[in-house]
């Protein structure tokens, strides 16, 4: 490969313009930026739990979330969006992307499993805890219905794309993205109701930390899913999908269905299960 060819090839993955280590393919700083942002979220949460300045903790967490989202957007843009029509992906490349998403979701199961393990541990003790509020209301039921519906609209959109119906694909994708945004807004409003009217906060007790830890982690994943769907939607507007080229749609769909299933399990275990025997 000539130096000019190497330069053009790496131009799709700025700011990294050289192989490092050499011989291991194209380098990119975006995974590193994403990892730093993800680690910072946990640092901010730890600072908040230890009471080392709530303003500082929230600032660290907020900045880290922004950095994490920036890393994801940059990573996906330079890996998939820029120069899309100049690439000819093989079936082997597409399978690697799908298996990569499956591996990522496997790691997410471990993350959620740790928090669920904490909840089951405190659930085995004296129940109910003093800080337990009324959890199952119309808001959580509506939010659950919206998220479940979004999985159906996304599946419908994906099916329309595979049939070559771009108009229905765009419609289904737009509705899915809208439902996801409304769900996030509903969860923020639920937090407002709990914190302001019920005085139920992250530091209310062992159940409060479990509740906000699990629902907050899930809300972060839904927000990330909305970002992914937003990127897919922008790419769809540019005509970068067809019945034969839609691997990023299917991988984003896998992620969205995953957060949907986790939410259903979370509602059954955390919301309904918490009030059983209370």
Protein backbone atom coordinates (compact mmCIF):
# COMPACT_ATOMS: atom_id res chain seq x y z
CA UNK A 1 0.00 0.00 0.00
CA UNK A 2 1.38 3.38 -0.93
CA UNK A 3 1.51 6.29 1.45
CA UNK A 4 -1.18 8.11 -0.50
CA UNK A 5 -3.51 5.12 -0.33
CA UNK A 6 -2.89 4.80 3.40
CA UNK A 7 -3.64 8.47 3.90
CA UNK A 8 -6.95 8.27 2.04
CA UNK A 9 -7.96 5.17 3.92
CA UNK A 10 -7.29 6.70 7.32
CA UNK A 11 -8.99 9.94 6.37
CA UNK A 12 -12.31 8.32 7.28
CA UNK A 13 -11.14 7.85 10.87
CA UNK A 14 -9.78 11.20 11.98
CA UNK A 15 -8.35 12.28 14.36
CA UNK A 16 -6.27 9.06 14.34
CA UNK A 17 -4.25 9.23 11.11
CA UNK A 18 -1.73 6.44 11.71
CA UNK A 19 -1.86 2.77 12.54
CA UNK A 20 -1.04 2.15 16.19
CA UNK A 21 0.31 -0.35 16.88
CA UNK A 22 1.51 -0.72 13.31
CA UNK A 23 0.06 -3.66 11.44
CA UNK A 24 -3.15 -3.80 13.51
CA UNK A 25 -5.37 -1.85 11.11
CA UNK A 26 -6.84 1.62 11.41
CA UNK A 27 -6.56 3.36 14.73
CA UNK A 28 -9.18 5.63 16.24
CA UNK A 29 -9.38 7.70 19.39
CA UNK A 30 -13.17 7.43 19.61
CA UNK A 31 -13.31 4.11 21.55
CA UNK A 32 -10.90 5.63 24.08
CA UNK A 33 -13.06 8.77 24.42
CA UNK A 34 -16.16 6.59 24.89
CA UNK A 35 -14.43 4.48 27.57
CA UNK A 36 -13.29 7.57 29.49
CA UNK A 37 -16.83 8.96 29.40
CA UNK A 38 -18.31 5.66 30.59
CA UNK A 39 -15.82 5.40 33.46
CA UNK A 40 -16.52 9.00 34.47
CA UNK A 41 -20.21 8.23 34.92
CA UNK A 42 -19.36 5.67 37.61
CA UNK A 43 -16.88 8.08 39.20
CA UNK A 44 -19.61 10.73 39.44
CA UNK A 45 -22.02 8.20 40.97
CA UNK A 46 -19.37 7.14 43.50
CA UNK A 47 -18.69 10.76 44.50
CA UNK A 48 -22.42 11.32 45.01
CA UNK A 49 -22.83 8.19 47.14
CA UNK A 50 -19.83 9.11 49.31
CA UNK A 51 -21.20 12.64 49.73
CA UNK A 52 -18.10 14.34 48.33
CA UNK A 53 -19.84 17.43 46.99
CA UNK A 54 -23.14 16.78 45.23
CA UNK A 55 -22.55 19.63 42.76
CA UNK A 56 -19.14 18.22 41.85
CA UNK A 57 -20.54 14.70 41.55
CA UNK A 58 -23.39 15.78 39.29
CA UNK A 59 -20.98 17.87 37.22
CA UNK A 60 -18.62 14.92 36.75
CA UNK A 61 -21.50 12.59 35.87
CA UNK A 62 -23.10 15.08 33.47
CA UNK A 63 -19.85 15.87 31.72
CA UNK A 64 -19.01 12.19 31.47
CA UNK A 65 -22.39 11.39 29.92
CA UNK A 66 -21.80 14.12 27.33
CA UNK A 67 -18.31 12.76 26.64
CA UNK A 68 -19.67 9.22 26.40
CA UNK A 69 -22.36 10.23 23.88
CA UNK A 70 -19.81 12.26 21.90
CA UNK A 71 -17.52 9.23 21.74
CA UNK A 72 -20.34 6.98 20.54
CA UNK A 73 -21.44 9.47 17.87
CA UNK A 74 -17.89 10.05 16.65
CA UNK A 75 -17.11 6.35 16.68
CA UNK A 76 -20.20 5.42 14.68
CA UNK A 77 -19.88 8.34 12.29
CA UNK A 78 -16.29 7.67 11.29
CA UNK A 79 -16.76 3.89 11.26
CA UNK A 80 -20.04 3.66 9.34
CA UNK A 81 -21.40 6.95 8.03
CA UNK A 82 -18.53 8.76 6.37
CA UNK A 83 -17.66 7.26 3.02
CA UNK A 84 -20.52 4.75 3.25
CA UNK A 85 -20.97 4.45 -0.50
CA UNK A 86 -17.24 3.97 -1.04
CA UNK A 87 -17.19 0.74 0.93
CA UNK A 88 -18.23 -2.73 -0.13
CA UNK A 89 -18.86 -4.67 3.05
CA UNK A 90 -18.72 -8.43 2.81
CA UNK A 91 -21.06 -10.79 4.62
CA UNK A 92 -18.13 -11.63 6.91
CA UNK A 93 -17.83 -7.97 7.98
CA UNK A 94 -21.55 -7.77 8.69
CA UNK A 95 -21.44 -10.92 10.81
CA UNK A 96 -18.58 -9.43 12.83
CA UNK A 97 -20.69 -6.36 13.58
CA UNK A 98 -23.65 -8.47 14.67
CA UNK A 99 -21.49 -10.69 16.88
CA UNK A 100 -19.86 -7.56 18.27
CA UNK A 101 -23.27 -6.27 19.33
CA UNK A 102 -24.14 -9.66 20.84
CA UNK A 103 -20.90 -9.59 22.85
CA UNK A 104 -21.65 -6.03 24.00
CA UNK A 105 -25.15 -7.00 25.11
CA UNK A 106 -23.64 -9.93 27.00
CA UNK A 107 -21.48 -7.49 28.97
CA UNK A 108 -24.58 -5.36 29.61
CA UNK A 109 -26.29 -8.37 31.15
CA UNK A 110 -23.40 -8.55 33.61
CA UNK A 111 -23.77 -4.87 34.48
CA UNK A 112 -27.51 -5.08 35.08
CA UNK A 113 -27.06 -8.43 36.82
CA UNK A 114 -24.81 -6.83 39.44
CA UNK A 115 -27.44 -4.23 40.34
CA UNK A 116 -30.24 -6.78 40.33
CA UNK A 117 -28.08 -8.92 42.61
CA UNK A 118 -27.89 -5.97 45.05
CA UNK A 119 -31.67 -5.57 44.92
CA UNK A 120 -32.32 -9.28 45.53
CA UNK A 121 -29.92 -9.13 48.48
CA UNK A 122 -31.82 -6.32 50.21
CA UNK A 123 -35.16 -7.88 49.18
CA UNK A 124 -34.25 -11.00 51.15
CA UNK A 125 -34.03 -8.93 54.34
CA UNK A 126 -36.69 -7.11 56.32
CA UNK A 127 -39.43 -5.96 54.00
CA UNK A 128 -40.72 -3.43 53.28
CA UNK A 129 -38.05 -0.80 53.98
CA UNK A 130 -39.24 2.40 55.61
CA UNK A 131 -38.51 4.53 52.55
CA UNK A 132 -40.60 2.44 50.14
CA UNK A 133 -43.03 4.73 48.23
CA UNK A 134 -46.01 3.73 46.08
CA UNK A 135 -44.35 2.70 42.83
CA UNK A 136 -46.95 1.15 40.53
CA UNK A 137 -49.01 3.98 39.08
CA UNK A 138 -50.44 5.10 35.77
CA UNK A 139 -47.18 6.77 34.74
CA UNK A 140 -45.04 3.64 34.85
CA UNK A 141 -47.79 1.65 33.09
CA UNK A 142 -48.03 4.22 30.28
CA UNK A 143 -44.25 4.41 30.00
CA UNK A 144 -44.05 0.62 29.77
CA UNK A 145 -46.71 0.56 27.07
CA UNK A 146 -44.83 3.19 25.05
CA UNK A 147 -41.54 1.31 25.21
CA UNK A 148 -43.14 -2.01 24.27
CA UNK A 149 -44.93 -0.31 21.38
CA UNK A 150 -41.63 1.16 20.20
CA UNK A 151 -40.21 -2.35 19.78
CA UNK A 152 -43.13 -3.25 17.51
CA UNK A 153 -42.78 -0.08 15.43
CA UNK A 154 -39.04 -0.67 15.04
CA UNK A 155 -39.61 -4.28 14.00
CA UNK A 156 -42.23 -3.08 11.49
CA UNK A 157 -39.82 -0.47 10.13
CA UNK A 158 -37.04 -3.03 9.75
CA UNK A 159 -39.39 -5.39 7.92
CA UNK A 160 -40.48 -2.59 5.59
CA UNK A 161 -36.84 -1.84 4.74
CA UNK A 162 -36.15 -5.48 3.91
CA UNK A 163 -39.12 -5.36 1.54
CA UNK A 164 -37.77 -2.23 -0.12
CA UNK A 165 -40.51 0.05 1.26
CA UNK A 166 -38.42 3.06 2.26
CA UNK A 167 -41.43 5.26 3.12
CA UNK A 168 -42.79 2.88 5.75
CA UNK A 169 -39.26 2.31 7.03
CA UNK A 170 -38.86 6.04 7.64
CA UNK A 171 -42.28 6.28 9.27
CA UNK A 172 -41.67 3.37 11.62
CA UNK A 173 -38.21 4.64 12.53
CA UNK A 174 -39.49 8.15 13.25
CA UNK A 175 -42.31 6.83 15.46
CA UNK A 176 -39.88 4.58 17.34
CA UNK A 177 -37.52 7.48 17.99
CA UNK A 178 -40.41 9.67 19.16
CA UNK A 179 -41.69 6.98 21.53
CA UNK A 180 -38.20 6.57 22.97
CA UNK A 181 -37.89 10.31 23.62
CA UNK A 182 -41.33 10.40 25.27
CA UNK A 183 -40.32 7.45 27.47
CA UNK A 184 -37.20 9.30 28.63
CA UNK A 185 -39.31 12.38 29.38
CA UNK A 186 -41.75 10.22 31.34
CA UNK A 187 -38.95 8.77 33.43
CA UNK A 188 -37.61 12.26 34.21
CA UNK A 189 -41.12 13.32 35.27
CA UNK A 190 -41.40 10.22 37.45
CA UNK A 191 -38.15 11.17 39.17
CA UNK A 192 -39.53 14.66 39.75
CA UNK A 193 -42.67 13.24 41.36
CA UNK A 194 -40.71 10.92 43.64
CA UNK A 195 -38.08 13.47 44.68
CA UNK A 196 -40.29 16.55 45.11
CA UNK A 197 -43.62 15.14 46.23
CA UNK A 198 -42.67 11.85 47.89
CA UNK A 199 -39.22 12.95 49.14
CA UNK A 200 -37.87 9.66 47.83
CA UNK A 201 -34.29 10.21 46.65
CA UNK A 202 -31.14 8.28 45.82
CA UNK A 203 -29.94 8.70 49.40
CA UNK A 204 -33.25 7.75 51.05
CA UNK A 205 -31.98 4.31 51.96
CA UNK A 206 -30.94 0.96 50.58
CA UNK A 207 -34.03 0.67 48.40
CA UNK A 208 -33.60 4.20 47.08
CA UNK A 209 -30.08 3.46 45.92
CA UNK A 210 -31.25 0.23 44.24
CA UNK A 211 -34.24 1.90 42.58
CA UNK A 212 -32.37 4.89 41.16
CA UNK A 213 -29.35 2.78 40.31
CA UNK A 214 -31.38 0.33 38.22
CA UNK A 215 -33.83 2.78 36.64
CA UNK A 216 -31.11 5.37 36.07
CA UNK A 217 -28.84 2.83 34.38
CA UNK A 218 -31.72 1.73 32.19
CA UNK A 219 -32.63 5.34 31.39
CA UNK A 220 -29.03 5.93 30.31
CA UNK A 221 -29.27 2.92 28.00
CA UNK A 222 -32.54 4.13 26.50
CA UNK A 223 -30.94 7.55 25.94
CA UNK A 224 -28.01 5.87 24.22
CA UNK A 225 -30.46 3.83 22.15
CA UNK A 226 -32.23 7.04 21.14
CA UNK A 227 -28.87 8.44 20.01
CA UNK A 228 -28.23 5.30 17.95
CA UNK A 229 -31.69 5.48 16.38
CA UNK A 230 -31.14 9.19 15.71
CA UNK A 231 -27.95 8.39 13.82
CA UNK A 232 -29.78 5.64 11.90
CA UNK A 233 -32.56 8.11 11.08
CA UNK A 234 -30.13 10.73 9.77
CA UNK A 235 -28.43 8.10 7.66
CA UNK A 236 -31.82 6.95 6.37
CA UNK A 237 -32.61 10.52 5.30
CA UNK A 238 -29.40 10.43 3.27
CA UNK A 239 -30.50 7.22 1.59
CA UNK A 240 -27.81 5.06 3.15
CA UNK A 241 -29.97 1.95 3.57
CA UNK A 242 -31.51 -0.57 1.26
CA UNK A 243 -32.91 -4.10 1.38
CA UNK A 244 -29.35 -5.39 0.91
CA UNK A 245 -27.46 -2.93 3.12
CA UNK A 246 -28.98 -2.51 6.55
CA UNK A 247 -26.59 -4.12 9.05
CA UNK A 248 -26.45 -1.05 11.29
CA UNK A 249 -30.26 -0.96 11.39
CA UNK A 250 -30.40 -4.57 12.56
CA UNK A 251 -27.67 -4.05 15.19
CA UNK A 252 -29.39 -0.91 16.54
CA UNK A 253 -32.64 -2.88 16.58
CA UNK A 254 -30.99 -5.63 18.65
CA UNK A 255 -29.90 -3.04 21.20
CA UNK A 256 -33.35 -1.41 21.36
CA UNK A 257 -35.14 -4.72 21.88
CA UNK A 258 -32.61 -5.53 24.63
CA UNK A 259 -33.41 -2.39 26.64
CA UNK A 260 -37.12 -3.10 26.12
CA UNK A 261 -36.83 -6.60 27.59
CA UNK A 262 -34.72 -5.31 30.50
CA UNK A 263 -37.37 -2.68 31.28
CA UNK A 264 -40.18 -5.28 31.38
CA UNK A 265 -38.11 -7.41 33.75
CA UNK A 266 -37.29 -4.33 35.81
CA UNK A 267 -40.96 -3.33 36.14
CA UNK A 268 -41.96 -6.84 37.21
CA UNK A 269 -39.13 -7.25 39.72
CA UNK A 270 -38.53 -3.71 40.99
CA UNK A 271 -41.89 -1.96 40.71
CA UNK A 272 -44.42 -4.75 41.17
CA UNK A 273 -42.14 -7.05 43.17
CA UNK A 274 -41.23 -4.31 45.64
CA UNK A 275 -44.87 -3.80 46.63
CA UNK A 276 -45.64 -7.50 46.99
CA UNK A 277 -45.90 -8.12 50.72
CA UNK A 278 -45.45 -4.43 51.52
